[in-house]
C-alpha atoms as a PDB file:
ATOM      1  CA  MET A   1     -17.820 -20.377  -2.938  1.00  0.00           C
ATOM      2  CA  PRO A   2     -16.509 -19.782  -6.480  1.00  0.00           C
ATOM      3  CA  GLU A   3     -14.479 -16.589  -6.712  1.00  0.00           C
ATOM      4  CA  GLY A   4     -14.177 -14.006  -9.452  1.00  0.00           C
ATOM      5  CA  ASP A   5     -11.577 -15.945 -11.443  1.00  0.00           C
ATOM      6  CA  THR A   6     -13.826 -19.033 -11.553  1.00  0.00           C
ATOM      7  CA  VAL A   7     -16.858 -17.000 -12.647  1.00  0.00           C
ATOM      8  CA  PHE A   8     -14.748 -15.198 -15.270  1.00  0.00           C
ATOM      9  CA  ARG A   9     -13.797 -18.542 -16.845  1.00  0.00           C
ATOM     10  CA  ALA A  10     -17.397 -19.748 -16.746  1.00  0.00           C
ATOM     11  CA  ALA A  11     -18.598 -16.580 -18.492  1.00  0.00           C
ATOM     12  CA  ARG A  12     -15.909 -16.859 -21.159  1.00  0.00           C
ATOM     13  CA  ARG A  13     -16.780 -20.496 -21.808  1.00  0.00           C
ATOM     14  CA  LEU A  14     -20.470 -19.646 -22.116  1.00  0.00           C
ATOM     15  CA  ASP A  15     -19.770 -16.653 -24.335  1.00  0.00           C
ATOM     16  CA  ASP A  16     -17.649 -18.765 -26.686  1.00  0.00           C
ATOM     17  CA  ALA A  17     -20.458 -21.304 -27.016  1.00  0.00           C
ATOM     18  CA  LEU A  18     -23.502 -19.022 -27.124  1.00  0.00           C
ATOM     19  CA  ALA A  19     -22.749 -15.462 -28.220  1.00  0.00           C
ATOM     20  CA  GLY A  20     -24.373 -14.551 -31.519  1.00  0.00           C
ATOM     21  CA  ARG A  21     -26.627 -17.626 -31.505  1.00  0.00           C
ATOM     22  CA  THR A  22     -30.414 -17.763 -31.376  1.00  0.00           C
ATOM     23  CA  VAL A  23     -32.170 -19.391 -28.445  1.00  0.00           C
ATOM     24  CA  LEU A  24     -34.185 -22.441 -29.492  1.00  0.00           C
ATOM     25  CA  ARG A  25     -35.469 -23.229 -26.024  1.00  0.00           C
ATOM     26  CA  SER A  26     -35.150 -21.848 -22.526  1.00  0.00           C
ATOM     27  CA  ASP A  27     -36.298 -23.129 -19.162  1.00  0.00           C
ATOM     28  CA  ILE A  28     -35.954 -21.009 -16.020  1.00  0.00           C
ATOM     29  CA  ARG A  29     -36.748 -23.324 -13.128  1.00  0.00           C
ATOM     30  CA  VAL A  30     -37.467 -20.853 -10.363  1.00  0.00           C
ATOM     31  CA  PRO A  31     -41.069 -19.882  -9.599  1.00  0.00           C
ATOM     32  CA  ALA A  32     -40.748 -16.122 -10.141  1.00  0.00           C
ATOM     33  CA  PHE A  33     -39.417 -16.551 -13.696  1.00  0.00           C
ATOM     34  CA  ALA A  34     -40.831 -19.922 -14.739  1.00  0.00           C
ATOM     35  CA  THR A  35     -42.982 -18.332 -17.464  1.00  0.00           C
ATOM     36  CA  VAL A  36     -40.067 -16.515 -19.128  1.00  0.00           C
ATOM     37  CA  ASP A  37     -39.600 -17.746 -22.712  1.00  0.00           C
ATOM     38  CA  LEU A  38     -36.434 -16.629 -24.491  1.00  0.00           C
ATOM     39  CA  ALA A  39     -36.930 -18.725 -27.643  1.00  0.00           C
ATOM     40  CA  GLY A  40     -36.169 -16.758 -30.797  1.00  0.00           C
ATOM     41  CA  GLU A  41     -34.019 -14.182 -29.011  1.00  0.00           C
ATOM     42  CA  THR A  42     -30.357 -13.546 -29.829  1.00  0.00           C
ATOM     43  CA  ILE A  43     -27.699 -14.128 -27.194  1.00  0.00           C
ATOM     44  CA  HIS A  44     -25.621 -10.956 -27.367  1.00  0.00           C
ATOM     45  CA  SER A  45     -22.938 -11.833 -24.819  1.00  0.00           C
ATOM     46  CA  VAL A  46     -22.141 -13.578 -21.571  1.00  0.00           C
ATOM     47  CA  ALA A  47     -19.964 -11.711 -19.080  1.00  0.00           C
ATOM     48  CA  SER A  48     -18.973 -11.726 -15.442  1.00  0.00           C
ATOM     49  CA  ARG A  49     -19.045  -8.895 -12.940  1.00  0.00           C
ATOM     50  CA  GLY A  50     -17.207  -9.934  -9.828  1.00  0.00           C
ATOM     51  CA  LYS A  51     -18.950 -13.154  -8.788  1.00  0.00           C
ATOM     52  CA  HIS A  52     -22.068 -12.416 -10.868  1.00  0.00           C
ATOM     53  CA  LEU A  53     -22.736 -13.957 -14.280  1.00  0.00           C
ATOM     54  CA  LEU A  54     -24.737 -12.000 -16.853  1.00  0.00           C
ATOM     55  CA  MET A  55     -26.246 -13.631 -19.934  1.00  0.00           C
ATOM     56  CA  ARG A  56     -27.568 -10.837 -22.177  1.00  0.00           C
ATOM     57  CA  ILE A  57     -30.348 -12.218 -24.348  1.00  0.00           C
ATOM     58  CA  GLY A  58     -32.597 -10.068 -26.518  1.00  0.00           C
ATOM     59  CA  GLY A  59     -33.799  -7.206 -24.336  1.00  0.00           C
ATOM     60  CA  VAL A  60     -33.208  -8.923 -20.994  1.00  0.00           C
ATOM     61  CA  VAL A  61     -30.430 -10.201 -18.759  1.00  0.00           C
ATOM     62  CA  LEU A  62     -30.406 -13.674 -17.260  1.00  0.00           C
ATOM     63  CA  HIS A  63     -28.519 -12.959 -14.030  1.00  0.00           C
ATOM     64  CA  THR A  64     -27.132 -15.829 -11.975  1.00  0.00           C
ATOM     65  CA  HIS A  65     -24.864 -16.237  -8.970  1.00  0.00           C
ATOM     66  CA  LEU A  66     -23.186 -19.548  -8.205  1.00  0.00           C
ATOM     67  CA  LYS A  67     -23.181 -19.029  -4.415  1.00  0.00           C
ATOM     68  CA  MET A  68     -21.708 -22.112  -2.711  1.00  0.00           C
ATOM     69  CA  GLU A  69     -22.314 -25.018  -5.093  1.00  0.00           C
ATOM     70  CA  GLY A  70     -23.541 -23.634  -8.405  1.00  0.00           C
ATOM     71  CA  GLU A  71     -21.985 -24.257 -11.801  1.00  0.00           C
ATOM     72  CA  TRP A  72     -22.728 -23.772 -15.486  1.00  0.00           C
ATOM     73  CA  ARG A  73     -22.038 -26.600 -17.913  1.00  0.00           C
ATOM     74  CA  VAL A  74     -21.987 -26.432 -21.697  1.00  0.00           C
ATOM     75  CA  LEU A  75     -23.008 -29.512 -23.688  1.00  0.00           C
ATOM     76  CA  ARG A  76     -23.581 -30.195 -27.338  1.00  0.00           C
ATOM     77  CA  THR A  77     -27.288 -29.880 -28.037  1.00  0.00           C
ATOM     78  CA  GLY A  78     -28.734 -33.371 -27.755  1.00  0.00           C
ATOM     79  CA  GLN A  79     -25.866 -34.647 -25.611  1.00  0.00           C
ATOM     80  CA  ARG A  80     -26.826 -36.703 -22.571  1.00  0.00           C
ATOM     81  CA  TRP A  81     -27.087 -34.572 -19.427  1.00  0.00           C
ATOM     82  CA  PRO A  82     -24.952 -35.291 -16.378  1.00  0.00           C
ATOM     83  CA  SER A  83     -26.823 -36.478 -13.297  1.00  0.00           C
ATOM     84  CA  PRO A  84     -28.742 -35.356 -11.374  1.00  0.00           C
ATOM     85  CA  ALA A  85     -30.704 -33.413 -13.978  1.00  0.00           C
ATOM     86  CA  HIS A  86     -33.323 -32.261 -11.440  1.00  0.00           C
ATOM     87  CA  ARG A  87     -30.750 -29.862  -9.949  1.00  0.00           C
ATOM     88  CA  ALA A  88     -30.799 -27.727 -13.110  1.00  0.00           C
ATOM     89  CA  ARG A  89     -32.139 -24.222 -12.446  1.00  0.00           C
ATOM     90  CA  ALA A  90     -31.655 -22.589 -15.855  1.00  0.00           C
ATOM     91  CA  ILE A  91     -31.348 -24.000 -19.368  1.00  0.00           C
ATOM     92  CA  VAL A  92     -30.550 -22.070 -22.537  1.00  0.00           C
ATOM     93  CA  GLU A  93     -30.422 -24.120 -25.729  1.00  0.00           C
ATOM     94  CA  THR A  94     -29.205 -23.158 -29.204  1.00  0.00           C
ATOM     95  CA  ALA A  95     -28.779 -25.241 -32.352  1.00  0.00           C
ATOM     96  CA  ASP A  96     -25.218 -26.180 -31.360  1.00  0.00           C
ATOM     97  CA  ALA A  97     -24.931 -25.923 -27.594  1.00  0.00           C
ATOM     98  CA  THR A  98     -26.979 -26.216 -24.443  1.00  0.00           C
ATOM     99  CA  ALA A  99     -25.986 -24.287 -21.307  1.00  0.00           C
ATOM    100  CA  ILE A 100     -27.255 -25.728 -18.031  1.00  0.00           C
ATOM    101  CA  GLY A 101     -26.954 -23.988 -14.677  1.00  0.00           C
ATOM    102  CA  PHE A 102     -26.938 -26.447 -11.789  1.00  0.00           C
ATOM    103  CA  ASP A 103     -27.542 -25.581  -8.118  1.00  0.00           C
ATOM    104  CA  LEU A 104     -27.485 -21.858  -8.829  1.00  0.00           C
ATOM    105  CA  GLY A 105     -27.826 -19.730  -5.713  1.00  0.00           C
ATOM    106  CA  LEU A 106     -29.541 -16.876  -7.566  1.00  0.00           C
ATOM    107  CA  VAL A 107     -31.511 -16.840 -10.814  1.00  0.00           C
ATOM    108  CA  GLU A 108     -33.396 -13.808 -12.072  1.00  0.00           C
ATOM    109  CA  VAL A 109     -34.364 -12.144 -15.332  1.00  0.00           C
ATOM    110  CA  PHE A 110     -34.629  -8.375 -15.695  1.00  0.00           C
ATOM    111  CA  PRO A 111     -34.706  -5.773 -18.493  1.00  0.00           C
ATOM    112  CA  ALA A 112     -31.285  -5.019 -19.959  1.00  0.00           C
ATOM    113  CA  ALA A 113     -31.772  -1.324 -19.217  1.00  0.00           C
ATOM    114  CA  GLU A 114     -31.716  -2.130 -15.484  1.00  0.00           C
ATOM    115  CA  GLU A 115     -28.340  -3.883 -15.427  1.00  0.00           C
ATOM    116  CA  ALA A 116     -26.308  -0.897 -14.250  1.00  0.00           C
ATOM    117  CA  ASP A 117     -28.727  -0.100 -11.429  1.00  0.00           C
ATOM    118  CA  ARG A 118     -29.141  -3.714 -10.341  1.00  0.00           C
ATOM    119  CA  LEU A 119     -25.380  -4.181  -9.958  1.00  0.00           C
ATOM    120  CA  GLY A 120     -24.573  -0.624  -8.979  1.00  0.00           C
ATOM    121  CA  HIS A 121     -23.760  -1.624  -5.409  1.00  0.00           C
ATOM    122  CA  LEU A 122     -20.727  -3.618  -6.542  1.00  0.00           C
ATOM    123  CA  GLY A 123     -17.272  -2.121  -6.315  1.00  0.00           C
ATOM    124  CA  PRO A 124     -14.811  -2.033  -9.232  1.00  0.00           C
ATOM    125  CA  ASP A 125     -14.351  -5.426 -10.866  1.00  0.00           C
ATOM    126  CA  LEU A 126     -10.783  -6.709 -10.491  1.00  0.00           C
ATOM    127  CA  LEU A 127     -11.130  -8.558 -13.803  1.00  0.00           C
ATOM    128  CA  GLY A 128     -13.266  -5.978 -15.565  1.00  0.00           C
ATOM    129  CA  PRO A 129     -12.288  -3.710 -18.457  1.00  0.00           C
ATOM    130  CA  ASP A 130     -13.342  -0.698 -16.380  1.00  0.00           C
ATOM    131  CA  TRP A 131     -11.210  -1.517 -13.327  1.00  0.00           C
ATOM    132  CA  ASP A 132     -10.743   1.583 -11.164  1.00  0.00           C
ATOM    133  CA  ALA A 133      -8.079   1.200  -8.473  1.00  0.00           C
ATOM    134  CA  ALA A 134      -8.683   4.699  -7.096  1.00  0.00           C
ATOM    135  CA  GLU A 135     -12.372   3.988  -6.541  1.00  0.00           C
ATOM    136  CA  ALA A 136     -11.598   0.667  -4.846  1.00  0.00           C
ATOM    137  CA  THR A 137      -9.146   2.465  -2.553  1.00  0.00           C
ATOM    138  CA  ARG A 138     -11.739   5.123  -1.731  1.00  0.00           C
ATOM    139  CA  ARG A 139     -14.373   2.533  -0.840  1.00  0.00           C
ATOM    140  CA  LEU A 140     -12.034   0.533   1.378  1.00  0.00           C
ATOM    141  CA  ALA A 141     -10.885   3.666   3.189  1.00  0.00           C
ATOM    142  CA  ALA A 142     -14.472   4.771   3.854  1.00  0.00           C
ATOM    143  CA  GLU A 143     -14.831   2.328   6.776  1.00  0.00           C
ATOM    144  CA  PRO A 144     -11.379   2.293   8.402  1.00  0.00           C
ATOM    145  CA  GLY A 145     -12.390   0.223  11.434  1.00  0.00           C
ATOM    146  CA  VAL A 146     -13.491  -2.876   9.526  1.00  0.00           C
ATOM    147  CA  PRO A 147     -11.118  -5.880   9.795  1.00  0.00           C
ATOM    148  CA  ALA A 148      -8.946  -6.185   6.680  1.00  0.00           C
ATOM    149  CA  VAL A 149     -10.127  -9.706   5.837  1.00  0.00           C
ATOM    150  CA  VAL A 150     -13.759  -8.531   5.938  1.00  0.00           C
ATOM    151  CA  ALA A 151     -13.213  -5.301   4.001  1.00  0.00           C
ATOM    152  CA  LEU A 152     -11.292  -6.981   1.172  1.00  0.00           C
ATOM    153  CA  ALA A 153     -13.981  -9.640   0.756  1.00  0.00           C
ATOM    154  CA  ASP A 154     -16.810  -7.087   0.715  1.00  0.00           C
ATOM    155  CA  GLN A 155     -18.032  -6.978  -2.894  1.00  0.00           C
ATOM    156  CA  ARG A 156     -19.165  -3.384  -2.383  1.00  0.00           C
ATOM    157  CA  ASN A 157     -15.514  -2.371  -2.087  1.00  0.00           C
ATOM    158  CA  LEU A 158     -13.997  -4.375  -4.914  1.00  0.00           C
ATOM    159  CA  ALA A 159     -15.679  -7.182  -6.797  1.00  0.00           C
ATOM    160  CA  GLY A 160     -14.209 -10.621  -7.325  1.00  0.00           C
ATOM    161  CA  LEU A 161     -12.260 -11.603  -4.223  1.00  0.00           C
ATOM    162  CA  GLY A 162     -13.527 -14.453  -2.085  1.00  0.00           C
ATOM    163  CA  ASN A 163     -12.221 -16.045   1.096  1.00  0.00           C
ATOM    164  CA  VAL A 164      -9.392 -17.959  -0.554  1.00  0.00           C
ATOM    165  CA  LEU A 165      -7.794 -15.028  -2.338  1.00  0.00           C
ATOM    166  CA  VAL A 166      -8.417 -12.611   0.545  1.00  0.00           C
ATOM    167  CA  ASN A 167      -6.580 -14.924   2.946  1.00  0.00           C
ATOM    168  CA  GLU A 168      -3.747 -15.386   0.475  1.00  0.00           C
ATOM    169  CA  VAL A 169      -3.381 -11.664  -0.263  1.00  0.00           C
ATOM    170  CA  CYS A 170      -3.294 -10.867   3.455  1.00  0.00           C
ATOM    171  CA  PHE A 171      -0.526 -13.423   3.924  1.00  0.00           C
ATOM    172  CA  LEU A 172       1.516 -12.179   0.978  1.00  0.00           C
ATOM    173  CA  ARG A 173       1.264  -8.586   2.216  1.00  0.00           C
ATOM    174  CA  GLY A 174       1.931  -9.545   5.853  1.00  0.00           C
ATOM    175  CA  ILE A 175      -1.455  -8.223   6.977  1.00  0.00           C
ATOM    176  CA  ARG A 176      -2.979  -9.633  10.157  1.00  0.00           C
ATOM    177  CA  PRO A 177      -6.581 -10.480   9.154  1.00  0.00           C
ATOM    178  CA  GLU A 178      -8.228  -8.645  12.061  1.00  0.00           C
ATOM    179  CA  ARG A 179      -6.148  -5.513  11.517  1.00  0.00           C
ATOM    180  CA  PRO A 180      -8.398  -2.487  10.752  1.00  0.00           C
ATOM    181  CA  ILE A 181      -8.369  -1.772   7.027  1.00  0.00           C
ATOM    182  CA  GLY A 182      -7.616   1.864   7.819  1.00  0.00           C
ATOM    183  CA  GLU A 183      -4.169   0.787   9.055  1.00  0.00           C
ATOM    184  CA  VAL A 184      -3.363  -1.127   5.854  1.00  0.00           C
ATOM    185  CA  ASP A 185      -1.292   0.308   3.007  1.00  0.00           C
ATOM    186  CA  LEU A 186      -4.129  -0.024   0.498  1.00  0.00           C
ATOM    187  CA  VAL A 187      -2.485   0.726  -2.844  1.00  0.00           C
ATOM    188  CA  PRO A 188      -0.006  -2.202  -2.858  1.00  0.00           C
ATOM    189  CA  ALA A 189      -2.604  -4.532  -1.297  1.00  0.00           C
ATOM    190  CA  ILE A 190      -5.113  -3.759  -4.045  1.00  0.00           C
ATOM    191  CA  ASP A 191      -2.443  -4.028  -6.731  1.00  0.00           C
ATOM    192  CA  LEU A 192      -1.413  -7.442  -5.439  1.00  0.00           C
ATOM    193  CA  ALA A 193      -5.038  -8.613  -5.276  1.00  0.00           C
ATOM    194  CA  ARG A 194      -5.502  -7.705  -8.923  1.00  0.00           C
ATOM    195  CA  ARG A 195      -2.264  -9.384  -9.992  1.00  0.00           C
ATOM    196  CA  VAL A 196      -3.138 -12.572  -8.107  1.00  0.00           C
ATOM    197  CA  ILE A 197      -6.649 -12.866  -9.554  1.00  0.00           C
ATOM    198  CA  HIS A 198      -5.398 -12.088 -13.055  1.00  0.00           C
ATOM    199  CA  ALA A 199      -2.722 -14.765 -12.721  1.00  0.00           C
ATOM    200  CA  ASN A 200      -5.459 -17.315 -11.941  1.00  0.00           C
ATOM    201  CA  ARG A 201      -8.192 -16.325 -14.363  1.00  0.00           C
ATOM    202  CA  ASP A 202      -6.936 -18.815 -16.978  1.00  0.00           C
ATOM    203  CA  ARG A 203      -6.128 -21.658 -14.552  1.00  0.00           C
ATOM    204  CA  SER A 204      -8.447 -24.501 -13.644  1.00  0.00           C
ATOM    205  CA  GLU A 205      -6.416 -25.019 -10.454  1.00  0.00           C
ATOM    206  CA  ARG A 206      -5.808 -21.810  -8.500  1.00  0.00           C
ATOM    207  CA  THR A 207      -2.335 -21.172  -7.084  1.00  0.00           C
ATOM    208  CA  THR A 208      -0.772 -18.315  -5.151  1.00  0.00           C
ATOM    209  CA  THR A 209       2.519 -20.038  -4.352  1.00  0.00           C
ATOM    210  CA  GLY A 210       3.448 -20.621  -7.974  1.00  0.00           C
ATOM    211  CA  ASP A 211       3.548 -24.370  -7.285  1.00  0.00           C
ATOM    212  CA  THR A 212       0.748 -26.223  -9.084  1.00  0.00           C
ATOM    213  CA  ARG A 213       1.273 -29.559  -7.374  1.00  0.00           C
ATOM    214  CA  PRO A 214      -1.674 -30.778  -5.246  1.00  0.00           C
ATOM    215  CA  GLY A 215      -1.322 -29.616  -1.660  1.00  0.00           C
ATOM    216  CA  ARG A 216       1.258 -26.973  -2.567  1.00  0.00           C
ATOM    217  CA  ARG A 217      -0.871 -24.352  -4.312  1.00  0.00           C
ATOM    218  CA  LEU A 218      -1.801 -22.072  -1.390  1.00  0.00           C
ATOM    219  CA  TRP A 219       0.121 -20.393   1.414  1.00  0.00           C
ATOM    220  CA  VAL A 220      -2.403 -20.424   4.262  1.00  0.00           C
ATOM    221  CA  TYR A 221      -6.005 -21.051   3.208  1.00  0.00           C
ATOM    222  CA  GLY A 222      -7.355 -24.352   4.539  1.00  0.00           C
ATOM    223  CA  ARG A 223      -4.050 -25.151   6.288  1.00  0.00           C
ATOM    224  CA  ALA A 224      -4.924 -24.621   9.964  1.00  0.00           C
ATOM    225  CA  GLY A 225      -2.354 -26.290  12.216  1.00  0.00           C
ATOM    226  CA  GLU A 226       0.067 -26.984   9.373  1.00  0.00           C
ATOM    227  CA  PRO A 227       3.516 -25.348   9.250  1.00  0.00           C
ATOM    228  CA  CYS A 228       3.880 -22.063   7.400  1.00  0.00           C
ATOM    229  CA  ARG A 229       5.640 -22.615   4.098  1.00  0.00           C
ATOM    230  CA  ARG A 230       7.922 -19.662   4.887  1.00  0.00           C
ATOM    231  CA  CYS A 231       8.785 -19.866   8.581  1.00  0.00           C
ATOM    232  CA  GLY A 232       7.368 -23.127   9.937  1.00  0.00           C
ATOM    233  CA  THR A 233       4.984 -21.482  12.443  1.00  0.00           C
ATOM    234  CA  ARG A 234       1.647 -23.285  12.757  1.00  0.00           C
ATOM    235  CA  ILE A 235      -1.086 -21.684  10.663  1.00  0.00           C
ATOM    236  CA  ALA A 236      -3.812 -20.155  12.846  1.00  0.00           C
ATOM    237  CA  TYR A 237      -7.556 -20.250  12.205  1.00  0.00           C
ATOM    238  CA  GLY A 238     -10.386 -17.925  13.181  1.00  0.00           C
ATOM    239  CA  ARG A 239     -13.668 -16.456  11.979  1.00  0.00           C
ATOM    240  CA  PHE A 240     -14.159 -12.748  11.423  1.00  0.00           C
ATOM    241  CA  GLY A 241     -17.103 -10.637  10.281  1.00  0.00           C
ATOM    242  CA  ARG A 242     -19.099  -7.481  10.754  1.00  0.00           C
ATOM    243  CA  ASN A 243     -21.427  -9.419  13.057  1.00  0.00           C
ATOM    244  CA  ASP A 244     -21.887 -12.892  14.532  1.00  0.00           C
ATOM    245  CA  VAL A 245     -23.964 -14.062  11.549  1.00  0.00           C
ATOM    246  CA  GLU A 246     -21.635 -13.361   8.625  1.00  0.00           C
ATOM    247  CA  LEU A 247     -18.328 -14.824   9.761  1.00  0.00           C
ATOM    248  CA  ARG A 248     -15.540 -15.600   7.297  1.00  0.00           C
ATOM    249  CA  GLU A 249     -13.251 -18.609   7.558  1.00  0.00           C
ATOM    250  CA  THR A 250      -9.790 -17.113   8.057  1.00  0.00           C
ATOM    251  CA  TYR A 251      -6.275 -18.547   8.091  1.00  0.00           C
ATOM    252  CA  TRP A 252      -2.997 -16.742   8.815  1.00  0.00           C
ATOM    253  CA  CYS A 253       0.571 -17.151   9.993  1.00  0.00           C
ATOM    254  CA  PRO A 254       1.083 -15.462  13.394  1.00  0.00           C
ATOM    255  CA  HIS A 255       4.768 -14.845  12.565  1.00  0.00           C
ATOM    256  CA  CYS A 256       4.566 -13.688   8.933  1.00  0.00           C
ATOM    257  CA  GLN A 257       1.464 -11.582   9.577  1.00  0.00           C
ATOM    258  CA  PRO A 258       2.392  -9.701  12.775  1.00  0.00           C
END
């Protein structure tokens, strides 16, 4: 699933191409909003909030979430679409550019006045201008028994981290993933999470090791059974969650994360 840094770049790319332009044509290809017509409206801005993408057009917000496989592409208006075109779920066209959302996990349109309430459940955005470390700390501490890897990935606590960065932050801080979040030193963990996501917001290839070569970019994520880059211990794998339905893929070094 795309994480906050990926969505941040997508929003910036869309904002550069669309902000200030007038919509010539729109096509929302989900039944509940298929009749929405944004033609003639001005695109005020495109922004991200955690993993959510918000296209503010006229008096409404086109709200999308990439989920597992979604992506937004920007083409020159009139340029040939990439295949398969039938997977497009939202199209916004201006005189110069056409934005196409493929395989989007969530598409909805709501009045702009409802934006704050609709996204009010989200915690502070690690990449947002209104980042609030104290509020993120308070939210994480509110449920001290939750496993660290689950609490850090919960968008209600802080918005933007996904499985990859959560696993990497836990490794870098030496936090065992199943350790209760109430036993974690939260301030440095949150600070590191923000520094890591900021360091990757302008990269097309995410890295936490500082090495951008293929196969060398991450410390533990996706490396089950491989030797730890620090100590050589085999990387462990497990699945953790609040219940048996929502389980997160988790990787850690048994030696470096005691």
